[in-house]
PDB file of N, CA and C in Angstrom:
ATOM      1  N   UNK A   1     -11.015  -5.259 -11.536  1.00  0.00           N
ATOM      2  CA  UNK A   1     -11.223  -4.064 -10.736  1.00  0.00           C
ATOM      3  C   UNK A   1     -11.444  -4.468  -9.285  1.00  0.00           C
ATOM      4  N   UNK A   2     -10.760  -3.779  -8.401  1.00  0.00           N
ATOM      5  CA  UNK A   2     -10.922  -4.053  -6.975  1.00  0.00           C
ATOM      6  C   UNK A   2     -12.277  -3.532  -6.503  1.00  0.00           C
ATOM      7  N   UNK A   3     -13.005  -4.370  -5.783  1.00  0.00           N
ATOM      8  CA  UNK A   3     -14.270  -3.931  -5.209  1.00  0.00           C
ATOM      9  C   UNK A   3     -14.092  -3.769  -3.697  1.00  0.00           C
ATOM     10  N   UNK A   4     -15.166  -3.400  -3.006  1.00  0.00           N
ATOM     11  CA  UNK A   4     -15.081  -3.155  -1.563  1.00  0.00           C
ATOM     12  C   UNK A   4     -14.593  -4.376  -0.787  1.00  0.00           C
ATOM     13  N   UNK A   5     -15.074  -5.532  -1.156  1.00  0.00           N
ATOM     14  CA  UNK A   5     -14.700  -6.760  -0.453  1.00  0.00           C
ATOM     15  C   UNK A   5     -13.212  -7.038  -0.635  1.00  0.00           C
ATOM     16  N   UNK A   6     -12.710  -6.900  -1.857  1.00  0.00           N
ATOM     17  CA  UNK A   6     -11.301  -7.167  -2.120  1.00  0.00           C
ATOM     18  C   UNK A   6     -10.401  -6.139  -1.440  1.00  0.00           C
ATOM     19  N   UNK A   7     -10.822  -4.888  -1.419  1.00  0.00           N
ATOM     20  CA  UNK A   7     -10.048  -3.856  -0.727  1.00  0.00           C
ATOM     21  C   UNK A   7     -10.016  -4.146   0.769  1.00  0.00           C
ATOM     22  N   UNK A   8     -11.145  -4.556   1.319  1.00  0.00           N
ATOM     23  CA  UNK A   8     -11.210  -4.899   2.746  1.00  0.00           C
ATOM     24  C   UNK A   8     -10.278  -6.058   3.080  1.00  0.00           C
ATOM     25  N   UNK A   9     -10.239  -7.062   2.210  1.00  0.00           N
ATOM     26  CA  UNK A   9      -9.343  -8.196   2.429  1.00  0.00           C
ATOM     27  C   UNK A   9      -7.889  -7.743   2.433  1.00  0.00           C
ATOM     28  N   UNK A  10      -7.536  -6.824   1.543  1.00  0.00           N
ATOM     29  CA  UNK A  10      -6.157  -6.355   1.459  1.00  0.00           C
ATOM     30  C   UNK A  10      -5.795  -5.458   2.642  1.00  0.00           C
ATOM     31  N   UNK A  11      -6.776  -4.770   3.187  1.00  0.00           N
ATOM     32  CA  UNK A  11      -6.524  -3.973   4.392  1.00  0.00           C
ATOM     33  C   UNK A  11      -6.245  -4.919   5.562  1.00  0.00           C
ATOM     34  N   UNK A  12      -7.058  -5.969   5.690  1.00  0.00           N
ATOM     35  CA  UNK A  12      -6.871  -6.937   6.777  1.00  0.00           C
ATOM     36  C   UNK A  12      -5.623  -7.788   6.589  1.00  0.00           C
ATOM     37  N   UNK A  13      -5.340  -8.139   5.342  1.00  0.00           N
ATOM     38  CA  UNK A  13      -4.200  -9.001   5.030  1.00  0.00           C
ATOM     39  C   UNK A  13      -3.425  -8.404   3.852  1.00  0.00           C
ATOM     40  N   UNK A  14      -2.547  -7.440   4.126  1.00  0.00           N
ATOM     41  CA  UNK A  14      -1.811  -6.778   3.032  1.00  0.00           C
ATOM     42  C   UNK A  14      -0.969  -7.731   2.194  1.00  0.00           C
ATOM     43  N   UNK A  15      -0.630  -8.885   2.736  1.00  0.00           N
ATOM     44  CA  UNK A  15       0.165  -9.840   1.961  1.00  0.00           C
ATOM     45  C   UNK A  15      -0.601 -10.386   0.756  1.00  0.00           C
ATOM     46  N   UNK A  16      -1.905 -10.125   0.675  1.00  0.00           N
ATOM     47  CA  UNK A  16      -2.711 -10.559  -0.470  1.00  0.00           C
ATOM     48  C   UNK A  16      -2.580  -9.629  -1.679  1.00  0.00           C
ATOM     49  N   UNK A  17      -1.899  -8.506  -1.518  1.00  0.00           N
ATOM     50  CA  UNK A  17      -1.759  -7.554  -2.622  1.00  0.00           C
ATOM     51  C   UNK A  17      -0.973  -8.208  -3.746  1.00  0.00           C
ATOM     52  N   UNK A  18      -1.574  -8.221  -4.915  1.00  0.00           N
ATOM     53  CA  UNK A  18      -0.945  -8.823  -6.091  1.00  0.00           C
ATOM     54  C   UNK A  18      -0.298  -7.730  -6.933  1.00  0.00           C
ATOM     55  N   UNK A  19       0.630  -8.128  -7.752  1.00  0.00           N
ATOM     56  CA  UNK A  19       1.290  -7.200  -8.661  1.00  0.00           C
ATOM     57  C   UNK A  19       0.259  -6.526  -9.570  1.00  0.00           C
ATOM     58  N   UNK A  20      -0.777  -7.264  -9.953  1.00  0.00           N
ATOM     59  CA  UNK A  20      -1.815  -6.729 -10.829  1.00  0.00           C
ATOM     60  C   UNK A  20      -2.664  -5.661 -10.133  1.00  0.00           C
ATOM     61  N   UNK A  21      -2.677  -5.656  -8.797  1.00  0.00           N
ATOM     62  CA  UNK A  21      -3.477  -4.690  -8.037  1.00  0.00           C
ATOM     63  C   UNK A  21      -2.834  -3.308  -7.977  1.00  0.00           C
ATOM     64  N   UNK A  22      -1.546  -3.223  -8.233  1.00  0.00           N
ATOM     65  CA  UNK A  22      -0.819  -1.977  -7.997  1.00  0.00           C
ATOM     66  C   UNK A  22      -1.352  -0.802  -8.805  1.00  0.00           C
ATOM     67  N   UNK A  23      -1.654  -1.015 -10.051  1.00  0.00           N
ATOM     68  CA  UNK A  23      -2.153   0.086 -10.879  1.00  0.00           C
ATOM     69  C   UNK A  23      -3.501   0.591 -10.365  1.00  0.00           C
ATOM     70  N   UNK A  24      -4.368  -0.308  -9.980  1.00  0.00           N
ATOM     71  CA  UNK A  24      -5.674   0.100  -9.448  1.00  0.00           C
ATOM     72  C   UNK A  24      -5.523   0.824  -8.111  1.00  0.00           C
ATOM     73  N   UNK A  25      -4.608   0.355  -7.268  1.00  0.00           N
ATOM     74  CA  UNK A  25      -4.370   1.035  -5.992  1.00  0.00           C
ATOM     75  C   UNK A  25      -3.785   2.426  -6.221  1.00  0.00           C
ATOM     76  N   UNK A  26      -2.900   2.549  -7.222  1.00  0.00           N
ATOM     77  CA  UNK A  26      -2.341   3.862  -7.562  1.00  0.00           C
ATOM     78  C   UNK A  26      -3.449   4.806  -8.011  1.00  0.00           C
ATOM     79  N   UNK A  27      -4.344   4.306  -8.845  1.00  0.00           N
ATOM     80  CA  UNK A  27      -5.452   5.132  -9.324  1.00  0.00           C
ATOM     81  C   UNK A  27      -6.375   5.549  -8.182  1.00  0.00           C
ATOM     82  N   UNK A  28      -6.658   4.640  -7.266  1.00  0.00           N
ATOM     83  CA  UNK A  28      -7.493   4.975  -6.115  1.00  0.00           C
ATOM     84  C   UNK A  28      -6.809   6.015  -5.226  1.00  0.00           C
ATOM     85  N   UNK A  29      -5.495   5.882  -5.045  1.00  0.00           N
ATOM     86  CA  UNK A  29      -4.749   6.849  -4.234  1.00  0.00           C
ATOM     87  C   UNK A  29      -4.761   8.226  -4.890  1.00  0.00           C
ATOM     88  N   UNK A  30      -4.701   8.271  -6.214  1.00  0.00           N
ATOM     89  CA  UNK A  30      -4.756   9.548  -6.943  1.00  0.00           C
ATOM     90  C   UNK A  30      -6.167  10.146  -6.870  1.00  0.00           C
ATOM     91  N   UNK A  31      -7.173   9.318  -7.014  1.00  0.00           N
ATOM     92  CA  UNK A  31      -8.554   9.783  -7.019  1.00  0.00           C
ATOM     93  C   UNK A  31      -9.001  10.246  -5.629  1.00  0.00           C
ATOM     94  N   UNK A  32      -8.514   9.560  -4.594  1.00  0.00           N
ATOM     95  CA  UNK A  32      -8.909   9.877  -3.212  1.00  0.00           C
ATOM     96  C   UNK A  32      -7.665  10.150  -2.360  1.00  0.00           C
ATOM     97  N   UNK A  33      -6.998  11.269  -2.582  1.00  0.00           N
ATOM     98  CA  UNK A  33      -5.745  11.552  -1.848  1.00  0.00           C
ATOM     99  C   UNK A  33      -5.954  11.735  -0.345  1.00  0.00           C
ATOM    100  N   UNK A  34      -7.174  12.021   0.066  1.00  0.00           N
ATOM    101  CA  UNK A  34      -7.476  12.217   1.489  1.00  0.00           C
ATOM    102  C   UNK A  34      -7.652  10.894   2.221  1.00  0.00           C
ATOM    103  N   UNK A  35      -7.749   9.789   1.502  1.00  0.00           N
ATOM    104  CA  UNK A  35      -7.894   8.463   2.105  1.00  0.00           C
ATOM    105  C   UNK A  35      -6.525   7.779   2.098  1.00  0.00           C
ATOM    106  N   UNK A  36      -5.832   7.878   3.213  1.00  0.00           N
ATOM    107  CA  UNK A  36      -4.459   7.378   3.317  1.00  0.00           C
ATOM    108  C   UNK A  36      -4.346   5.873   3.078  1.00  0.00           C
ATOM    109  N   UNK A  37      -5.413   5.145   3.283  1.00  0.00           N
ATOM    110  CA  UNK A  37      -5.355   3.691   3.165  1.00  0.00           C
ATOM    111  C   UNK A  37      -4.945   3.250   1.759  1.00  0.00           C
ATOM    112  N   UNK A  38      -5.363   3.973   0.740  1.00  0.00           N
ATOM    113  CA  UNK A  38      -4.997   3.586  -0.624  1.00  0.00           C
ATOM    114  C   UNK A  38      -3.507   3.783  -0.873  1.00  0.00           C
ATOM    115  N   UNK A  39      -2.957   4.884  -0.378  1.00  0.00           N
ATOM    116  CA  UNK A  39      -1.520   5.098  -0.510  1.00  0.00           C
ATOM    117  C   UNK A  39      -0.745   4.061   0.276  1.00  0.00           C
ATOM    118  N   UNK A  40      -1.240   3.720   1.470  1.00  0.00           N
ATOM    119  CA  UNK A  40      -0.565   2.711   2.282  1.00  0.00           C
ATOM    120  C   UNK A  40      -0.548   1.356   1.580  1.00  0.00           C
ATOM    121  N   UNK A  41      -1.678   0.954   1.041  1.00  0.00           N
ATOM    122  CA  UNK A  41      -1.739  -0.326   0.344  1.00  0.00           C
ATOM    123  C   UNK A  41      -0.869  -0.310  -0.909  1.00  0.00           C
ATOM    124  N   UNK A  42      -0.881   0.794  -1.621  1.00  0.00           N
ATOM    125  CA  UNK A  42      -0.065   0.916  -2.833  1.00  0.00           C
ATOM    126  C   UNK A  42       1.420   0.798  -2.489  1.00  0.00           C
ATOM    127  N   UNK A  43       1.863   1.526  -1.471  1.00  0.00           N
ATOM    128  CA  UNK A  43       3.271   1.468  -1.080  1.00  0.00           C
ATOM    129  C   UNK A  43       3.645   0.092  -0.548  1.00  0.00           C
ATOM    130  N   UNK A  44       2.750  -0.530   0.195  1.00  0.00           N
ATOM    131  CA  UNK A  44       3.005  -1.887   0.693  1.00  0.00           C
ATOM    132  C   UNK A  44       3.170  -2.849  -0.476  1.00  0.00           C
ATOM    133  N   UNK A  45       2.310  -2.746  -1.468  1.00  0.00           N
ATOM    134  CA  UNK A  45       2.409  -3.615  -2.639  1.00  0.00           C
ATOM    135  C   UNK A  45       3.702  -3.400  -3.403  1.00  0.00           C
ATOM    136  N   UNK A  46       4.091  -2.147  -3.564  1.00  0.00           N
ATOM    137  CA  UNK A  46       5.358  -1.854  -4.244  1.00  0.00           C
ATOM    138  C   UNK A  46       6.524  -2.449  -3.472  1.00  0.00           C
ATOM    139  N   UNK A  47       6.476  -2.311  -2.163  1.00  0.00           N
ATOM    140  CA  UNK A  47       7.540  -2.849  -1.315  1.00  0.00           C
ATOM    141  C   UNK A  47       7.586  -4.373  -1.369  1.00  0.00           C
ATOM    142  N   UNK A  48       6.437  -5.000  -1.281  1.00  0.00           N
ATOM    143  CA  UNK A  48       6.360  -6.471  -1.300  1.00  0.00           C
ATOM    144  C   UNK A  48       6.909  -7.059  -2.591  1.00  0.00           C
ATOM    145  N   UNK A  49       6.625  -6.387  -3.695  1.00  0.00           N
ATOM    146  CA  UNK A  49       7.006  -6.919  -4.999  1.00  0.00           C
ATOM    147  C   UNK A  49       8.327  -6.350  -5.505  1.00  0.00           C
ATOM    148  N   UNK A  50       9.033  -5.616  -4.638  1.00  0.00           N
ATOM    149  CA  UNK A  50      10.361  -5.079  -4.948  1.00  0.00           C
ATOM    150  C   UNK A  50      10.412  -4.349  -6.292  1.00  0.00           C
ATOM    151  N   UNK A  51       9.441  -3.484  -6.517  1.00  0.00           N
ATOM    152  CA  UNK A  51       9.401  -2.756  -7.782  1.00  0.00           C
ATOM    153  C   UNK A  51      10.392  -1.598  -7.774  1.00  0.00           C
ATOM    154  N   UNK A  52      10.829  -1.246  -8.934  1.00  0.00           N
ATOM    155  CA  UNK A  52      11.837  -0.198  -9.075  1.00  0.00           C
ATOM    156  C   UNK A  52      11.288   1.186  -8.731  1.00  0.00           C
ATOM    157  N   UNK A  53       9.995   1.390  -8.859  1.00  0.00           N
ATOM    158  CA  UNK A  53       9.424   2.709  -8.599  1.00  0.00           C
ATOM    159  C   UNK A  53       9.090   2.953  -7.132  1.00  0.00           C
ATOM    160  N   UNK A  54       9.416   2.009  -6.239  1.00  0.00           N
ATOM    161  CA  UNK A  54       9.057   2.161  -4.826  1.00  0.00           C
ATOM    162  C   UNK A  54       9.605   3.447  -4.219  1.00  0.00           C
ATOM    163  N   UNK A  55      10.885   3.734  -4.398  1.00  0.00           N
ATOM    164  CA  UNK A  55      11.494   4.911  -3.771  1.00  0.00           C
ATOM    165  C   UNK A  55      10.841   6.208  -4.255  1.00  0.00           C
ATOM    166  N   UNK A  56      10.609   6.314  -5.545  1.00  0.00           N
ATOM    167  CA  UNK A  56       9.986   7.529  -6.093  1.00  0.00           C
ATOM    168  C   UNK A  56       8.550   7.663  -5.596  1.00  0.00           C
ATOM    169  N   UNK A  57       7.820   6.573  -5.577  1.00  0.00           N
ATOM    170  CA  UNK A  57       6.431   6.626  -5.124  1.00  0.00           C
ATOM    171  C   UNK A  57       6.336   6.873  -3.619  1.00  0.00           C
ATOM    172  N   UNK A  58       7.315   6.404  -2.865  1.00  0.00           N
ATOM    173  CA  UNK A  58       7.338   6.680  -1.426  1.00  0.00           C
ATOM    174  C   UNK A  58       7.411   8.190  -1.194  1.00  0.00           C
ATOM    175  N   UNK A  59       8.239   8.871  -1.967  1.00  0.00           N
ATOM    176  CA  UNK A  59       8.337  10.328  -1.857  1.00  0.00           C
ATOM    177  C   UNK A  59       7.024  11.003  -2.261  1.00  0.00           C
ATOM    178  N   UNK A  60       6.337  10.456  -3.239  1.00  0.00           N
ATOM    179  CA  UNK A  60       5.093  11.047  -3.730  1.00  0.00           C
ATOM    180  C   UNK A  60       3.897  10.804  -2.807  1.00  0.00           C
ATOM    181  N   UNK A  61       3.937   9.721  -2.036  1.00  0.00           N
ATOM    182  CA  UNK A  61       2.760   9.349  -1.245  1.00  0.00           C
ATOM    183  C   UNK A  61       2.938   9.502   0.264  1.00  0.00           C
ATOM    184  N   UNK A  62       4.158   9.637   0.739  1.00  0.00           N
ATOM    185  CA  UNK A  62       4.401   9.666   2.187  1.00  0.00           C
ATOM    186  C   UNK A  62       3.671  10.817   2.875  1.00  0.00           C
ATOM    187  N   UNK A  63       3.550  11.956   2.222  1.00  0.00           N
ATOM    188  CA  UNK A  63       2.889  13.106   2.852  1.00  0.00           C
ATOM    189  C   UNK A  63       1.400  12.858   3.100  1.00  0.00           C
ATOM    190  N   UNK A  64       0.822  11.890   2.416  1.00  0.00           N
ATOM    191  CA  UNK A  64      -0.607  11.602   2.564  1.00  0.00           C
ATOM    192  C   UNK A  64      -0.910  10.744   3.797  1.00  0.00           C
ATOM    193  N   UNK A  65       0.128  10.188   4.374  1.00  0.00           N
ATOM    194  CA  UNK A  65      -0.049   9.257   5.485  1.00  0.00           C
ATOM    195  C   UNK A  65       0.307   9.967   6.785  1.00  0.00           C
ATOM    196  N   UNK A  66      -0.674  10.207   7.643  1.00  0.00           N
ATOM    197  CA  UNK A  66      -0.436  11.004   8.846  1.00  0.00           C
ATOM    198  C   UNK A  66       0.459  10.322   9.881  1.00  0.00           C
ATOM    199  N   UNK A  67       0.448   9.017   9.957  1.00  0.00           N
ATOM    200  CA  UNK A  67       1.243   8.299  10.950  1.00  0.00           C
ATOM    201  C   UNK A  67       2.383   7.559  10.246  1.00  0.00           C
ATOM    202  N   UNK A  68       3.561   8.170  10.220  1.00  0.00           N
ATOM    203  CA  UNK A  68       4.699   7.582   9.507  1.00  0.00           C
ATOM    204  C   UNK A  68       5.173   6.286  10.155  1.00  0.00           C
ATOM    205  N   UNK A  69       5.009   6.163  11.474  1.00  0.00           N
ATOM    206  CA  UNK A  69       5.427   4.913  12.119  1.00  0.00           C
ATOM    207  C   UNK A  69       4.557   3.760  11.640  1.00  0.00           C
ATOM    208  N   UNK A  70       3.286   4.023  11.395  1.00  0.00           N
ATOM    209  CA  UNK A  70       2.392   2.998  10.864  1.00  0.00           C
ATOM    210  C   UNK A  70       2.846   2.585   9.466  1.00  0.00           C
ATOM    211  N   UNK A  71       3.243   3.548   8.658  1.00  0.00           N
ATOM    212  CA  UNK A  71       3.755   3.256   7.319  1.00  0.00           C
ATOM    213  C   UNK A  71       5.031   2.423   7.410  1.00  0.00           C
ATOM    214  N   UNK A  72       5.929   2.796   8.310  1.00  0.00           N
ATOM    215  CA  UNK A  72       7.171   2.056   8.479  1.00  0.00           C
ATOM    216  C   UNK A  72       6.898   0.600   8.835  1.00  0.00           C
ATOM    217  N   UNK A  73       6.015   0.380   9.801  1.00  0.00           N
ATOM    218  CA  UNK A  73       5.718  -0.988  10.227  1.00  0.00           C
ATOM    219  C   UNK A  73       4.995  -1.774   9.142  1.00  0.00           C
ATOM    220  N   UNK A  74       4.160  -1.117   8.383  1.00  0.00           N
ATOM    221  CA  UNK A  74       3.458  -1.799   7.297  1.00  0.00           C
ATOM    222  C   UNK A  74       4.442  -2.260   6.226  1.00  0.00           C
ATOM    223  N   UNK A  75       5.376  -1.398   5.867  1.00  0.00           N
ATOM    224  CA  UNK A  75       6.329  -1.717   4.809  1.00  0.00           C
ATOM    225  C   UNK A  75       7.380  -2.712   5.272  1.00  0.00           C
ATOM    226  N   UNK A  76       7.829  -2.581   6.505  1.00  0.00           N
ATOM    227  CA  UNK A  76       8.929  -3.414   6.998  1.00  0.00           C
ATOM    228  C   UNK A  76       8.467  -4.577   7.870  1.00  0.00           C
ATOM    229  N   UNK A  77       7.182  -4.889   7.820  1.00  0.00           N
ATOM    230  CA  UNK A  77       6.653  -5.976   8.635  1.00  0.00           C
ATOM    231  C   UNK A  77       7.250  -7.306   8.194  1.00  0.00           C
ATOM    232  N   UNK A  78       7.749  -8.037   9.169  1.00  0.00           N
ATOM    233  CA  UNK A  78       8.265  -9.375   8.923  1.00  0.00           C
ATOM    234  C   UNK A  78       7.529 -10.316   9.860  1.00  0.00           C
ATOM    235  N   UNK A  79       6.961 -11.359   9.310  1.00  0.00           N
ATOM    236  CA  UNK A  79       6.222 -12.318  10.124  1.00  0.00           C
ATOM    237  C   UNK A  79       7.228 -13.111  10.940  1.00  0.00           C
ATOM    238  N   UNK A  80       7.185 -12.917  12.262  1.00  0.00           N
ATOM    239  CA  UNK A  80       8.142 -13.584  13.138  1.00  0.00           C
ATOM    240  C   UNK A  80       7.689 -15.015  13.406  1.00  0.00           C
ATOM    241  N   UNK A  81       8.605 -15.919  13.203  1.00  0.00           N
ATOM    242  CA  UNK A  81       8.330 -17.335  13.464  1.00  0.00           C
ATOM    243  C   UNK A  81       8.942 -17.664  14.812  1.00  0.00           C
ATOM    244  N   UNK A  82       8.115 -18.140  15.722  1.00  0.00           N
ATOM    245  CA  UNK A  82       8.595 -18.448  17.078  1.00  0.00           C
ATOM    246  C   UNK A  82       8.719 -19.938  17.238  1.00  0.00           C
TER     247      UNK A  82
END
């Protein structure tokens, strides 16, 4: 079960989201639909792990996220190597 510390780590470093975290993040997003951070982390995890349900879940959760550009950058973030 994700606790406050683990959720905070995933907010700071979304690349830490594990495949095993997705179900718990989905449940948190369902339980607290007004807290966009859970939907953002859930969608980021789905995107990172190339899951088949990403497109359907994006449609289900996008309305919960007030800043779509933030969602776009979170999902499509690529670490640039200089």
